[in-house]
């Protein structure tokens, strides 16, 4: 147990453990969650585990079925695509407006974060990778002076987290490609490139991950993939 988790309540700890296992694919979509077994593993009663599962249900990561119990929610491919497509537009626009306000220090911080991401590639932890990835992305959008655009970006991140905080566990090859794309975007920002060029690069970067995920998805996603080609 880390110093951070030692400060959590039993319910918070159960939430963190189950949440991260869902996100990193340890508990795949559709898997039944046996509350007693989870409680025994974590050294706690079933009560805080049930509280954690209810919270995960509220966030859309767990579903309850009658006579079955809790299961990891299936990923809704349509909603995932729509969320990522929308986020690609609003985050690209925010990066466009923010470009003149991104300082050299912010670019340096973003490169540090990208170096951390590159260091994670050999032993990929999708949860940690996604959290660091979000920090990097926000260095390019947080300086945006348009508060409404920033709010839309925040909503996109929160909606994405409710769907599934990371898809890198399903398409691990995208992680390395994503790091390389970050370098190219940061090169554009650092060089003072046209803001529209930065926006389009951010948008393409955003859409590359759902495209990769949907290409690997089951056949029942084929029709939706065809709609967006």
Protein backbone atom coordinates (compact mmCIF):
# COMPACT_ATOMS: atom_id res chain seq x y z
CA UNK A 1 0.00 0.00 0.00
CA UNK A 2 1.35 3.43 -0.99
CA UNK A 3 1.33 6.52 1.21
CA UNK A 4 -1.46 7.90 -0.98
CA UNK A 5 -3.74 4.87 -0.72
CA UNK A 6 -3.09 4.65 3.04
CA UNK A 7 -4.98 7.95 3.39
CA UNK A 8 -8.07 6.63 1.60
CA UNK A 9 -11.18 5.27 3.30
CA UNK A 10 -12.01 1.61 2.62
CA UNK A 11 -14.70 2.63 0.15
CA UNK A 12 -12.32 5.01 -1.64
CA UNK A 13 -9.63 2.34 -1.80
CA UNK A 14 -12.07 -0.21 -3.24
CA UNK A 15 -13.22 2.37 -5.77
CA UNK A 16 -9.65 3.16 -6.83
CA UNK A 17 -8.66 -0.50 -7.19
CA UNK A 18 -11.74 -1.60 -9.14
CA UNK A 19 -11.76 1.59 -11.24
CA UNK A 20 -8.14 1.13 -12.29
CA UNK A 21 -8.63 -2.55 -13.04
CA UNK A 22 -11.56 -1.72 -15.31
CA UNK A 23 -9.57 0.98 -17.05
CA UNK A 24 -6.44 -1.09 -17.61
CA UNK A 25 -8.39 -4.10 -18.85
CA UNK A 26 -7.74 -6.40 -15.87
CA UNK A 27 -11.52 -6.51 -15.52
CA UNK A 28 -12.66 -6.62 -19.16
CA UNK A 29 -16.09 -5.46 -20.40
CA UNK A 30 -18.80 -7.86 -19.33
CA UNK A 31 -16.85 -9.46 -16.46
CA UNK A 32 -18.86 -10.19 -13.33
CA UNK A 33 -17.60 -8.43 -10.21
CA UNK A 34 -17.84 -10.66 -7.15
CA UNK A 35 -18.06 -8.25 -4.25
CA UNK A 36 -17.20 -10.80 -1.55
CA UNK A 37 -14.06 -11.86 -3.40
CA UNK A 38 -12.95 -8.26 -3.93
CA UNK A 39 -13.55 -7.48 -0.26
CA UNK A 40 -11.56 -10.52 0.85
CA UNK A 41 -8.67 -9.58 -1.44
CA UNK A 42 -8.61 -6.01 -0.10
CA UNK A 43 -9.04 -7.06 3.52
CA UNK A 44 -12.40 -5.38 4.08
CA UNK A 45 -16.08 -6.27 4.39
CA UNK A 46 -18.43 -6.24 1.44
CA UNK A 47 -20.04 -2.97 2.59
CA UNK A 48 -17.35 -0.52 1.38
CA UNK A 49 -16.94 -2.58 -1.80
CA UNK A 50 -20.66 -2.24 -2.49
CA UNK A 51 -20.41 1.52 -1.94
CA UNK A 52 -17.53 1.67 -4.41
CA UNK A 53 -19.43 -0.40 -6.97
CA UNK A 54 -22.45 1.91 -6.68
CA UNK A 55 -20.21 4.89 -7.35
CA UNK A 56 -18.73 3.12 -10.38
CA UNK A 57 -22.25 2.42 -11.57
CA UNK A 58 -23.07 6.14 -11.30
CA UNK A 59 -20.01 6.88 -13.45
CA UNK A 60 -21.12 4.38 -16.08
CA UNK A 61 -18.29 1.88 -15.60
CA UNK A 62 -20.41 -0.82 -13.93
CA UNK A 63 -23.91 -2.14 -14.57
CA UNK A 64 -26.22 -4.21 -12.36
CA UNK A 65 -28.23 -7.11 -13.78
CA UNK A 66 -31.03 -8.83 -11.93
CA UNK A 67 -30.03 -12.24 -10.59
CA UNK A 68 -26.49 -11.65 -11.85
CA UNK A 69 -25.13 -8.69 -9.92
CA UNK A 70 -22.45 -6.22 -10.92
CA UNK A 71 -20.68 -6.44 -14.26
CA UNK A 72 -18.12 -4.24 -15.99
CA UNK A 73 -20.04 -2.08 -18.45
CA UNK A 74 -19.60 -2.74 -22.13
CA UNK A 75 -17.99 0.09 -24.11
CA UNK A 76 -20.59 1.87 -26.23
CA UNK A 77 -18.67 2.34 -29.47
CA UNK A 78 -21.09 4.92 -30.85
CA UNK A 79 -20.90 7.09 -27.74
CA UNK A 80 -17.13 6.65 -27.56
CA UNK A 81 -16.68 7.79 -31.15
CA UNK A 82 -19.06 10.73 -30.73
CA UNK A 83 -17.27 11.84 -27.56
CA UNK A 84 -13.82 11.63 -29.13
CA UNK A 85 -14.96 13.34 -32.32
CA UNK A 86 -16.48 16.21 -30.35
CA UNK A 87 -13.42 16.49 -28.13
CA UNK A 88 -11.19 16.60 -31.21
CA UNK A 89 -13.04 19.71 -32.41
CA UNK A 90 -13.26 21.56 -29.10
CA UNK A 91 -9.73 20.67 -27.97
CA UNK A 92 -8.35 21.62 -31.39
CA UNK A 93 -10.18 24.95 -31.22
CA UNK A 94 -8.93 25.57 -27.67
CA UNK A 95 -5.35 24.81 -28.75
CA UNK A 96 -5.83 27.21 -31.70
CA UNK A 97 -6.93 30.07 -29.45
CA UNK A 98 -4.38 29.21 -26.75
CA UNK A 99 -1.38 28.99 -29.10
CA UNK A 100 -0.19 32.61 -28.64
CA UNK A 101 -0.44 32.23 -24.86
CA UNK A 102 1.48 28.96 -24.45
CA UNK A 103 4.76 29.96 -22.80
CA UNK A 104 8.18 28.44 -23.30
CA UNK A 105 7.91 27.07 -19.75
CA UNK A 106 4.63 25.34 -20.63
CA UNK A 107 6.19 23.77 -23.73
CA UNK A 108 9.14 22.61 -21.63
CA UNK A 109 6.73 21.08 -19.11
CA UNK A 110 4.83 19.35 -21.90
CA UNK A 111 8.08 17.89 -23.25
CA UNK A 112 8.93 16.59 -19.77
CA UNK A 113 5.55 14.91 -19.57
CA UNK A 114 6.02 13.42 -23.04
CA UNK A 115 9.41 12.07 -21.98
CA UNK A 116 7.64 10.41 -19.05
CA UNK A 117 5.12 8.90 -21.45
CA UNK A 118 7.91 7.59 -23.66
CA UNK A 119 9.51 6.00 -20.60
CA UNK A 120 6.27 4.13 -19.88
CA UNK A 121 6.09 2.43 -23.27
CA UNK A 122 8.15 -0.66 -22.49
CA UNK A 123 5.98 -1.59 -19.52
CA UNK A 124 2.71 0.14 -20.33
CA UNK A 125 0.40 1.03 -17.47
CA UNK A 126 -2.66 2.36 -19.35
CA UNK A 127 -4.06 4.15 -16.29
CA UNK A 128 -0.85 6.05 -15.48
CA UNK A 129 -0.23 6.70 -19.16
CA UNK A 130 -3.68 8.23 -19.63
CA UNK A 131 -3.38 10.44 -16.55
CA UNK A 132 -0.03 11.81 -17.69
CA UNK A 133 -1.37 12.15 -21.23
CA UNK A 134 -4.20 14.36 -19.96
CA UNK A 135 -1.75 16.59 -18.09
CA UNK A 136 0.22 17.06 -21.30
CA UNK A 137 -2.87 17.89 -23.35
CA UNK A 138 -3.97 20.44 -20.81
CA UNK A 139 -0.71 22.36 -21.07
CA UNK A 140 -1.85 23.26 -24.58
CA UNK A 141 -5.47 24.11 -23.77
CA UNK A 142 -5.40 25.58 -20.24
CA UNK A 143 -3.85 28.88 -21.50
CA UNK A 144 -6.90 29.38 -23.74
CA UNK A 145 -8.46 32.74 -22.74
CA UNK A 146 -11.93 31.58 -23.85
CA UNK A 147 -13.51 30.21 -20.66
CA UNK A 148 -16.37 28.58 -22.56
CA UNK A 149 -13.97 26.60 -24.74
CA UNK A 150 -12.02 25.49 -21.68
CA UNK A 151 -15.28 24.34 -20.09
CA UNK A 152 -16.17 22.31 -23.18
CA UNK A 153 -12.76 20.63 -23.07
CA UNK A 154 -13.29 19.80 -19.39
CA UNK A 155 -16.69 18.31 -20.17
CA UNK A 156 -15.15 16.20 -22.91
CA UNK A 157 -12.51 14.78 -20.57
CA UNK A 158 -15.14 14.00 -17.92
CA UNK A 159 -17.44 12.33 -20.43
CA UNK A 160 -14.54 10.29 -21.76
CA UNK A 161 -13.66 9.16 -18.23
CA UNK A 162 -17.22 7.92 -17.72
CA UNK A 163 -16.97 5.84 -20.92
CA UNK A 164 -13.57 4.37 -20.15
CA UNK A 165 -10.60 6.41 -18.95
CA UNK A 166 -8.16 4.59 -21.19
CA UNK A 167 -8.35 2.70 -24.46
CA UNK A 168 -4.58 2.21 -24.62
CA UNK A 169 -5.04 -1.21 -22.98
CA UNK A 170 -7.03 -2.23 -26.07
CA UNK A 171 -4.72 -0.56 -28.63
CA UNK A 172 -1.29 -0.43 -26.95
CA UNK A 173 0.46 0.34 -30.25
CA UNK A 174 -1.30 3.71 -30.23
CA UNK A 175 0.66 4.76 -27.15
CA UNK A 176 3.98 5.02 -29.02
CA UNK A 177 2.32 6.72 -31.99
CA UNK A 178 0.65 9.18 -29.62
CA UNK A 179 3.99 10.14 -28.06
CA UNK A 180 5.48 10.82 -31.50
CA UNK A 181 2.44 12.95 -32.43
CA UNK A 182 2.87 14.97 -29.23
CA UNK A 183 6.43 15.80 -30.32
CA UNK A 184 5.20 17.05 -33.68
CA UNK A 185 2.47 19.18 -32.10
CA UNK A 186 4.91 20.68 -29.61
CA UNK A 187 7.34 21.41 -32.44
CA UNK A 188 4.59 23.39 -34.17
CA UNK A 189 3.75 25.34 -31.00
CA UNK A 190 7.40 26.06 -30.24
CA UNK A 191 8.04 27.21 -33.81
CA UNK A 192 5.12 29.63 -33.69
CA UNK A 193 3.30 27.81 -36.49
CA UNK A 194 -0.02 29.04 -37.81
CA UNK A 195 -2.71 28.41 -35.18
CA UNK A 196 -4.93 26.62 -37.69
CA UNK A 197 -2.11 24.17 -38.43
CA UNK A 198 -1.84 23.46 -34.70
CA UNK A 199 -5.60 23.00 -34.44
CA UNK A 200 -5.68 20.49 -37.30
CA UNK A 201 -2.73 18.57 -35.85
CA UNK A 202 -4.46 18.31 -32.45
CA UNK A 203 -7.71 17.24 -34.12
CA UNK A 204 -6.02 14.51 -36.18
CA UNK A 205 -4.13 13.32 -33.10
CA UNK A 206 -7.37 13.05 -31.14
CA UNK A 207 -9.17 11.05 -33.81
CA UNK A 208 -6.32 8.60 -34.40
CA UNK A 209 -6.98 6.73 -31.14
CA UNK A 210 -10.72 6.00 -31.65
CA UNK A 211 -9.99 5.04 -35.25
CA UNK A 212 -7.39 2.55 -34.04
CA UNK A 213 -9.73 1.23 -31.36
CA UNK A 214 -12.67 0.76 -33.74
CA UNK A 215 -10.48 -1.06 -36.24
CA UNK A 216 -9.79 -3.61 -33.50
CA UNK A 217 -13.36 -3.77 -32.26
CA UNK A 218 -15.71 -6.73 -32.78
CA UNK A 219 -17.51 -7.12 -36.06
CA UNK A 220 -20.70 -5.60 -34.69
CA UNK A 221 -18.91 -2.22 -34.80
CA UNK A 222 -18.25 -2.51 -38.54
CA UNK A 223 -21.33 -0.59 -39.60
CA UNK A 224 -20.49 2.35 -37.35
CA UNK A 225 -16.88 2.37 -38.54
CA UNK A 226 -18.11 2.52 -42.13
CA UNK A 227 -20.30 5.53 -41.30
CA UNK A 228 -17.27 7.54 -40.25
CA UNK A 229 -14.89 6.73 -43.12
